[in-house]
PDB file of N, CA and C in Angstrom:
ATOM      1  N   MET A   1       9.372 -35.042 -29.807  1.00  0.00           N
ATOM      2  CA  MET A   1      10.413 -35.313 -28.853  1.00  0.00           C
ATOM      3  C   MET A   1      10.596 -34.064 -27.982  1.00  0.00           C
ATOM      4  N   SER A   2      10.339 -34.200 -26.710  1.00  0.00           N
ATOM      5  CA  SER A   2      10.419 -33.082 -25.781  1.00  0.00           C
ATOM      6  C   SER A   2      11.768 -33.095 -25.056  1.00  0.00           C
ATOM      7  N   SER A   3      12.348 -31.932 -24.940  1.00  0.00           N
ATOM      8  CA  SER A   3      13.627 -31.795 -24.262  1.00  0.00           C
ATOM      9  C   SER A   3      13.403 -31.251 -22.851  1.00  0.00           C
ATOM     10  N   PRO A   4      13.953 -31.910 -21.831  1.00  0.00           N
ATOM     11  CA  PRO A   4      13.774 -31.397 -20.471  1.00  0.00           C
ATOM     12  C   PRO A   4      14.417 -30.021 -20.276  1.00  0.00           C
ATOM     13  N   LEU A   5      15.505 -29.775 -20.987  1.00  0.00           N
ATOM     14  CA  LEU A   5      16.148 -28.476 -20.876  1.00  0.00           C
ATOM     15  C   LEU A   5      15.267 -27.372 -21.443  1.00  0.00           C
ATOM     16  N   LEU A   6      14.581 -27.652 -22.524  1.00  0.00           N
ATOM     17  CA  LEU A   6      13.669 -26.675 -23.109  1.00  0.00           C
ATOM     18  C   LEU A   6      12.507 -26.380 -22.164  1.00  0.00           C
ATOM     19  N   GLU A   7      12.014 -27.388 -21.480  1.00  0.00           N
ATOM     20  CA  GLU A   7      10.928 -27.183 -20.513  1.00  0.00           C
ATOM     21  C   GLU A   7      11.382 -26.324 -19.342  1.00  0.00           C
ATOM     22  N   ILE A   8      12.595 -26.559 -18.862  1.00  0.00           N
ATOM     23  CA  ILE A   8      13.133 -25.747 -17.772  1.00  0.00           C
ATOM     24  C   ILE A   8      13.331 -24.307 -18.234  1.00  0.00           C
ATOM     25  N   TRP A   9      13.811 -24.134 -19.463  1.00  0.00           N
ATOM     26  CA  TRP A   9      14.022 -22.800 -20.015  1.00  0.00           C
ATOM     27  C   TRP A   9      12.706 -22.028 -20.106  1.00  0.00           C
ATOM     28  N   GLU A  10      11.671 -22.674 -20.573  1.00  0.00           N
ATOM     29  CA  GLU A  10      10.365 -22.015 -20.706  1.00  0.00           C
ATOM     30  C   GLU A  10       9.740 -21.738 -19.351  1.00  0.00           C
ATOM     31  N   ALA A  11       9.951 -22.629 -18.382  1.00  0.00           N
ATOM     32  CA  ALA A  11       9.415 -22.401 -17.040  1.00  0.00           C
ATOM     33  C   ALA A  11      10.140 -21.243 -16.357  1.00  0.00           C
ATOM     34  N   ALA A  12      11.419 -21.088 -16.628  1.00  0.00           N
ATOM     35  CA  ALA A  12      12.193 -20.012 -16.009  1.00  0.00           C
ATOM     36  C   ALA A  12      11.828 -18.649 -16.564  1.00  0.00           C
ATOM     37  N   SER A  13      11.303 -18.592 -17.751  1.00  0.00           N
ATOM     38  CA  SER A  13      10.944 -17.298 -18.333  1.00  0.00           C
ATOM     39  C   SER A  13       9.761 -16.652 -17.608  1.00  0.00           C
ATOM     40  N   ALA A  14       8.990 -17.445 -16.884  1.00  0.00           N
ATOM     41  CA  ALA A  14       7.845 -16.897 -16.155  1.00  0.00           C
ATOM     42  C   ALA A  14       8.276 -16.160 -14.888  1.00  0.00           C
ATOM     43  N   SER A  15       9.448 -16.481 -14.350  1.00  0.00           N
ATOM     44  CA  SER A  15       9.921 -15.811 -13.139  1.00  0.00           C
ATOM     45  C   SER A  15      11.271 -15.150 -13.418  1.00  0.00           C
ATOM     46  N   PRO A  16      11.265 -13.851 -13.686  1.00  0.00           N
ATOM     47  CA  PRO A  16      12.521 -13.171 -14.019  1.00  0.00           C
ATOM     48  C   PRO A  16      13.458 -13.096 -12.809  1.00  0.00           C
ATOM     49  N   TYR A  17      14.738 -12.937 -13.096  1.00  0.00           N
ATOM     50  CA  TYR A  17      15.770 -12.875 -12.056  1.00  0.00           C
ATOM     51  C   TYR A  17      15.668 -11.570 -11.273  1.00  0.00           C
ATOM     52  N   GLN A  18      15.674 -11.661  -9.967  1.00  0.00           N
ATOM     53  CA  GLN A  18      15.649 -10.493  -9.098  1.00  0.00           C
ATOM     54  C   GLN A  18      17.013 -10.355  -8.433  1.00  0.00           C
ATOM     55  N   THR A  19      17.644  -9.220  -8.616  1.00  0.00           N
ATOM     56  CA  THR A  19      18.970  -9.018  -8.048  1.00  0.00           C
ATOM     57  C   THR A  19      18.881  -8.757  -6.551  1.00  0.00           C
ATOM     58  N   THR A  20      19.978  -9.060  -5.840  1.00  0.00           N
ATOM     59  CA  THR A  20      20.033  -8.809  -4.405  1.00  0.00           C
ATOM     60  C   THR A  20      20.147  -7.322  -4.123  1.00  0.00           C
ATOM     61  N   VAL A  21      20.972  -6.641  -4.898  1.00  0.00           N
ATOM     62  CA  VAL A  21      21.150  -5.194  -4.766  1.00  0.00           C
ATOM     63  C   VAL A  21      20.577  -4.549  -6.018  1.00  0.00           C
ATOM     64  N   SER A  22      19.655  -3.620  -5.828  1.00  0.00           N
ATOM     65  CA  SER A  22      18.999  -3.011  -6.983  1.00  0.00           C
ATOM     66  C   SER A  22      19.983  -2.144  -7.773  1.00  0.00           C
ATOM     67  N   LYS A  23      19.646  -1.886  -9.000  1.00  0.00           N
ATOM     68  CA  LYS A  23      20.509  -1.110  -9.904  1.00  0.00           C
ATOM     69  C   LYS A  23      20.742   0.296  -9.365  1.00  0.00           C
ATOM     70  N   ASN A  24      19.751   0.875  -8.693  1.00  0.00           N
ATOM     71  CA  ASN A  24      19.870   2.243  -8.200  1.00  0.00           C
ATOM     72  C   ASN A  24      20.779   2.357  -6.976  1.00  0.00           C
ATOM     73  N   SER A  25      21.008   1.256  -6.247  1.00  0.00           N
ATOM     74  CA  SER A  25      21.825   1.343  -5.043  1.00  0.00           C
ATOM     75  C   SER A  25      23.194   0.670  -5.193  1.00  0.00           C
ATOM     76  N   GLN A  26      23.557   0.239  -6.390  1.00  0.00           N
ATOM     77  CA  GLN A  26      24.846  -0.420  -6.586  1.00  0.00           C
ATOM     78  C   GLN A  26      26.013   0.528  -6.360  1.00  0.00           C
ATOM     79  N   PHE A  27      25.873   1.784  -6.730  1.00  0.00           N
ATOM     80  CA  PHE A  27      26.957   2.738  -6.527  1.00  0.00           C
ATOM     81  C   PHE A  27      27.210   2.947  -5.038  1.00  0.00           C
ATOM     82  N   ALA A  28      26.151   3.109  -4.263  1.00  0.00           N
ATOM     83  CA  ALA A  28      26.306   3.326  -2.819  1.00  0.00           C
ATOM     84  C   ALA A  28      26.920   2.105  -2.145  1.00  0.00           C
ATOM     85  N   VAL A  29      26.470   0.923  -2.506  1.00  0.00           N
ATOM     86  CA  VAL A  29      27.016  -0.303  -1.919  1.00  0.00           C
ATOM     87  C   VAL A  29      28.485  -0.460  -2.296  1.00  0.00           C
ATOM     88  N   GLY A  30      28.820  -0.233  -3.549  1.00  0.00           N
ATOM     89  CA  GLY A  30      30.206  -0.322  -3.992  1.00  0.00           C
ATOM     90  C   GLY A  30      31.097   0.689  -3.304  1.00  0.00           C
ATOM     91  N   PHE A  31      30.619   1.920  -3.159  1.00  0.00           N
ATOM     92  CA  PHE A  31      31.404   2.961  -2.509  1.00  0.00           C
ATOM     93  C   PHE A  31      31.641   2.642  -1.039  1.00  0.00           C
ATOM     94  N   ILE A  32      30.611   2.188  -0.351  1.00  0.00           N
ATOM     95  CA  ILE A  32      30.747   1.847   1.069  1.00  0.00           C
ATOM     96  C   ILE A  32      31.708   0.679   1.258  1.00  0.00           C
ATOM     97  N   LEU A  33      31.618  -0.335   0.397  1.00  0.00           N
ATOM     98  CA  LEU A  33      32.535  -1.466   0.501  1.00  0.00           C
ATOM     99  C   LEU A  33      33.976  -1.059   0.218  1.00  0.00           C
ATOM    100  N   LEU A  34      34.193  -0.219  -0.771  1.00  0.00           N
ATOM    101  CA  LEU A  34      35.549   0.246  -1.060  1.00  0.00           C
ATOM    102  C   LEU A  34      36.096   1.123   0.065  1.00  0.00           C
ATOM    103  N   LEU A  35      35.264   1.951   0.648  1.00  0.00           N
ATOM    104  CA  LEU A  35      35.678   2.768   1.782  1.00  0.00           C
ATOM    105  C   LEU A  35      36.019   1.897   2.987  1.00  0.00           C
ATOM    106  N   LEU A  36      35.198   0.893   3.242  1.00  0.00           N
ATOM    107  CA  LEU A  36      35.467  -0.043   4.332  1.00  0.00           C
ATOM    108  C   LEU A  36      36.766  -0.797   4.094  1.00  0.00           C
ATOM    109  N   ALA A  37      37.019  -1.198   2.868  1.00  0.00           N
ATOM    110  CA  ALA A  37      38.261  -1.896   2.541  1.00  0.00           C
ATOM    111  C   ALA A  37      39.461  -0.986   2.766  1.00  0.00           C
ATOM    112  N   PHE A  38      39.346   0.280   2.395  1.00  0.00           N
ATOM    113  CA  PHE A  38      40.435   1.237   2.588  1.00  0.00           C
ATOM    114  C   PHE A  38      40.734   1.428   4.072  1.00  0.00           C
ATOM    115  N   ILE A  39      39.696   1.553   4.885  1.00  0.00           N
ATOM    116  CA  ILE A  39      39.874   1.740   6.327  1.00  0.00           C
ATOM    117  C   ILE A  39      40.479   0.494   6.971  1.00  0.00           C
ATOM    118  N   LEU A  40      39.952  -0.677   6.642  1.00  0.00           N
ATOM    119  CA  LEU A  40      40.484  -1.915   7.218  1.00  0.00           C
ATOM    120  C   LEU A  40      41.920  -2.168   6.786  1.00  0.00           C
ATOM    121  N   THR A  41      42.251  -1.845   5.545  1.00  0.00           N
ATOM    122  CA  THR A  41      43.627  -2.010   5.075  1.00  0.00           C
ATOM    123  C   THR A  41      44.566  -1.065   5.812  1.00  0.00           C
ATOM    124  N   GLY A  42      44.129   0.152   6.065  1.00  0.00           N
ATOM    125  CA  GLY A  42      44.940   1.103   6.821  1.00  0.00           C
ATOM    126  C   GLY A  42      45.193   0.645   8.245  1.00  0.00           C
ATOM    127  N   ILE A  43      44.154   0.147   8.900  1.00  0.00           N
ATOM    128  CA  ILE A  43      44.316  -0.361  10.265  1.00  0.00           C
ATOM    129  C   ILE A  43      45.229  -1.582  10.273  1.00  0.00           C
ATOM    130  N   PHE A  44      45.053  -2.465   9.309  1.00  0.00           N
ATOM    131  CA  PHE A  44      45.904  -3.654   9.230  1.00  0.00           C
ATOM    132  C   PHE A  44      47.352  -3.264   8.941  1.00  0.00           C
ATOM    133  N   GLY A  45      47.562  -2.257   8.114  1.00  0.00           N
ATOM    134  CA  GLY A  45      48.919  -1.814   7.803  1.00  0.00           C
ATOM    135  C   GLY A  45      49.631  -1.209   9.003  1.00  0.00           C
ATOM    136  N   LEU A  46      48.879  -0.581   9.912  1.00  0.00           N
ATOM    137  CA  LEU A  46      49.485   0.007  11.101  1.00  0.00           C
ATOM    138  C   LEU A  46      49.848  -1.040  12.144  1.00  0.00           C
ATOM    139  N   ASN A  47      49.107  -2.143  12.180  1.00  0.00           N
ATOM    140  CA  ASN A  47      49.331  -3.152  13.211  1.00  0.00           C
ATOM    141  C   ASN A  47      49.307  -4.532  12.561  1.00  0.00           C
ATOM    142  N   ARG A  48      50.364  -4.854  11.835  1.00  0.00           N
ATOM    143  CA  ARG A  48      50.417  -6.142  11.144  1.00  0.00           C
ATOM    144  C   ARG A  48      50.831  -7.239  12.109  1.00  0.00           C
ATOM    145  N   SER A  49      50.014  -8.250  12.213  1.00  0.00           N
ATOM    146  CA  SER A  49      50.348  -9.438  12.992  1.00  0.00           C
ATOM    147  C   SER A  49      49.530 -10.594  12.440  1.00  0.00           C
ATOM    148  N   LEU A  50      49.906 -11.775  12.826  1.00  0.00           N
ATOM    149  CA  LEU A  50      49.208 -12.964  12.340  1.00  0.00           C
ATOM    150  C   LEU A  50      47.779 -13.016  12.867  1.00  0.00           C
ATOM    151  N   VAL A  51      47.564 -12.450  14.043  1.00  0.00           N
ATOM    152  CA  VAL A  51      46.219 -12.434  14.633  1.00  0.00           C
ATOM    153  C   VAL A  51      45.299 -11.506  13.835  1.00  0.00           C
ATOM    154  N   ASN A  52      45.835 -10.388  13.360  1.00  0.00           N
ATOM    155  CA  ASN A  52      45.017  -9.413  12.631  1.00  0.00           C
ATOM    156  C   ASN A  52      44.723  -9.823  11.194  1.00  0.00           C
ATOM    157  N   LEU A  53      45.417 -10.834  10.690  1.00  0.00           N
ATOM    158  CA  LEU A  53      45.174 -11.248   9.311  1.00  0.00           C
ATOM    159  C   LEU A  53      43.743 -11.722   9.092  1.00  0.00           C
ATOM    160  N   PRO A  54      43.210 -12.671   9.888  1.00  0.00           N
ATOM    161  CA  PRO A  54      41.810 -13.051   9.656  1.00  0.00           C
ATOM    162  C   PRO A  54      40.810 -12.006  10.148  1.00  0.00           C
ATOM    163  N   LEU A  55      41.229 -11.149  11.072  1.00  0.00           N
ATOM    164  CA  LEU A  55      40.304 -10.144  11.610  1.00  0.00           C
ATOM    165  C   LEU A  55      40.177  -8.913  10.724  1.00  0.00           C
ATOM    166  N   LEU A  56      41.277  -8.518  10.076  1.00  0.00           N
ATOM    167  CA  LEU A  56      41.261  -7.298   9.271  1.00  0.00           C
ATOM    168  C   LEU A  56      41.634  -7.531   7.811  1.00  0.00           C
ATOM    169  N   GLY A  57      42.622  -8.374   7.572  1.00  0.00           N
ATOM    170  CA  GLY A  57      43.126  -8.562   6.211  1.00  0.00           C
ATOM    171  C   GLY A  57      42.140  -9.236   5.282  1.00  0.00           C
ATOM    172  N   VAL A  58      41.559 -10.328   5.734  1.00  0.00           N
ATOM    173  CA  VAL A  58      40.612 -11.064   4.886  1.00  0.00           C
ATOM    174  C   VAL A  58      39.333 -10.260   4.636  1.00  0.00           C
ATOM    175  N   PRO A  59      38.719  -9.651   5.671  1.00  0.00           N
ATOM    176  CA  PRO A  59      37.547  -8.811   5.373  1.00  0.00           C
ATOM    177  C   PRO A  59      37.861  -7.627   4.459  1.00  0.00           C
ATOM    178  N   ALA A  60      39.070  -7.060   4.600  1.00  0.00           N
ATOM    179  CA  ALA A  60      39.444  -5.947   3.712  1.00  0.00           C
ATOM    180  C   ALA A  60      39.549  -6.425   2.273  1.00  0.00           C
ATOM    181  N   SER A  61      40.118  -7.605   2.075  1.00  0.00           N
ATOM    182  CA  SER A  61      40.237  -8.150   0.720  1.00  0.00           C
ATOM    183  C   SER A  61      38.870  -8.447   0.114  1.00  0.00           C
ATOM    184  N   LEU A  62      37.995  -9.040   0.903  1.00  0.00           N
ATOM    185  CA  LEU A  62      36.643  -9.342   0.411  1.00  0.00           C
ATOM    186  C   LEU A  62      35.857  -8.062   0.109  1.00  0.00           C
ATOM    187  N   ALA A  63      35.976  -7.077   0.997  1.00  0.00           N
ATOM    188  CA  ALA A  63      35.270  -5.817   0.772  1.00  0.00           C
ATOM    189  C   ALA A  63      35.787  -5.129  -0.482  1.00  0.00           C
ATOM    190  N   PHE A  64      37.095  -5.188  -0.714  1.00  0.00           N
ATOM    191  CA  PHE A  64      37.641  -4.580  -1.925  1.00  0.00           C
ATOM    192  C   PHE A  64      37.159  -5.313  -3.176  1.00  0.00           C
ATOM    193  N   GLY A  65      37.163  -6.644  -3.130  1.00  0.00           N
ATOM    194  CA  GLY A  65      36.739  -7.423  -4.298  1.00  0.00           C
ATOM    195  C   GLY A  65      35.292  -7.170  -4.661  1.00  0.00           C
ATOM    196  N   PHE A  66      34.400  -7.294  -3.673  1.00  0.00           N
ATOM    197  CA  PHE A  66      32.983  -7.077  -3.944  1.00  0.00           C
ATOM    198  C   PHE A  66      32.688  -5.608  -4.243  1.00  0.00           C
ATOM    199  N   GLY A  67      33.377  -4.698  -3.560  1.00  0.00           N
ATOM    200  CA  GLY A  67      33.181  -3.280  -3.825  1.00  0.00           C
ATOM    201  C   GLY A  67      33.586  -2.903  -5.236  1.00  0.00           C
ATOM    202  N   ALA A  68      34.697  -3.473  -5.707  1.00  0.00           N
ATOM    203  CA  ALA A  68      35.133  -3.188  -7.078  1.00  0.00           C
ATOM    204  C   ALA A  68      34.137  -3.707  -8.096  1.00  0.00           C
ATOM    205  N   VAL A  69      33.599  -4.898  -7.856  1.00  0.00           N
ATOM    206  CA  VAL A  69      32.612  -5.466  -8.791  1.00  0.00           C
ATOM    207  C   VAL A  69      31.337  -4.631  -8.807  1.00  0.00           C
ATOM    208  N   TYR A  70      30.864  -4.245  -7.612  1.00  0.00           N
ATOM    209  CA  TYR A  70      29.651  -3.415  -7.572  1.00  0.00           C
ATOM    210  C   TYR A  70      29.891  -2.047  -8.208  1.00  0.00           C
ATOM    211  N   MET A  71      31.066  -1.492  -8.023  1.00  0.00           N
ATOM    212  CA  MET A  71      31.354  -0.180  -8.613  1.00  0.00           C
ATOM    213  C   MET A  71      31.438  -0.296 -10.137  1.00  0.00           C
ATOM    214  N   ILE A  72      32.028  -1.361 -10.634  1.00  0.00           N
ATOM    215  CA  ILE A  72      32.089  -1.565 -12.091  1.00  0.00           C
ATOM    216  C   ILE A  72      30.675  -1.727 -12.637  1.00  0.00           C
ATOM    217  N   CYS A  73      29.832  -2.475 -11.928  1.00  0.00           N
ATOM    218  CA  CYS A  73      28.446  -2.646 -12.380  1.00  0.00           C
ATOM    219  C   CYS A  73      27.675  -1.338 -12.321  1.00  0.00           C
ATOM    220  N   ALA A  74      27.969  -0.504 -11.339  1.00  0.00           N
ATOM    221  CA  ALA A  74      27.221   0.745 -11.166  1.00  0.00           C
ATOM    222  C   ALA A  74      27.583   1.776 -12.220  1.00  0.00           C
ATOM    223  N   VAL A  75      28.863   1.957 -12.492  1.00  0.00           N
ATOM    224  CA  VAL A  75      29.264   3.008 -13.421  1.00  0.00           C
ATOM    225  C   VAL A  75      29.395   2.512 -14.843  1.00  0.00           C
ATOM    226  N   GLY A  76      29.477   1.212 -15.033  1.00  0.00           N
ATOM    227  CA  GLY A  76      29.598   0.649 -16.358  1.00  0.00           C
ATOM    228  C   GLY A  76      31.030   0.666 -16.849  1.00  0.00           C
ATOM    229  N   VAL A  77      31.295  -0.141 -17.831  1.00  0.00           N
ATOM    230  CA  VAL A  77      32.636  -0.218 -18.419  1.00  0.00           C
ATOM    231  C   VAL A  77      32.494   0.183 -19.873  1.00  0.00           C
ATOM    232  N   TYR A  78      33.103   1.293 -20.219  1.00  0.00           N
ATOM    233  CA  TYR A  78      33.043   1.790 -21.591  1.00  0.00           C
ATOM    234  C   TYR A  78      34.441   1.741 -22.180  1.00  0.00           C
ATOM    235  N   VAL A  79      34.601   0.945 -23.214  1.00  0.00           N
ATOM    236  CA  VAL A  79      35.908   0.823 -23.851  1.00  0.00           C
ATOM    237  C   VAL A  79      35.826   1.413 -25.240  1.00  0.00           C
TER     238      VAL A  79
END
């Protein structure tokens, strides 16, 4: 009895996962995103308006979120 899931699992082992950002550049990407988030948040804080929310607020939030994840991946979490 052959399982289709087992066949997919074995076929996937032949092609390993390739990350979008390599392990060696995760710190730089995370740092740049966090710096960009800090700058955009500062500009948004100086000129708060409804027009600036999608132009500055949302990109700052996304840059902070992805930057934090990349920075955690780069430096590791040791508890």
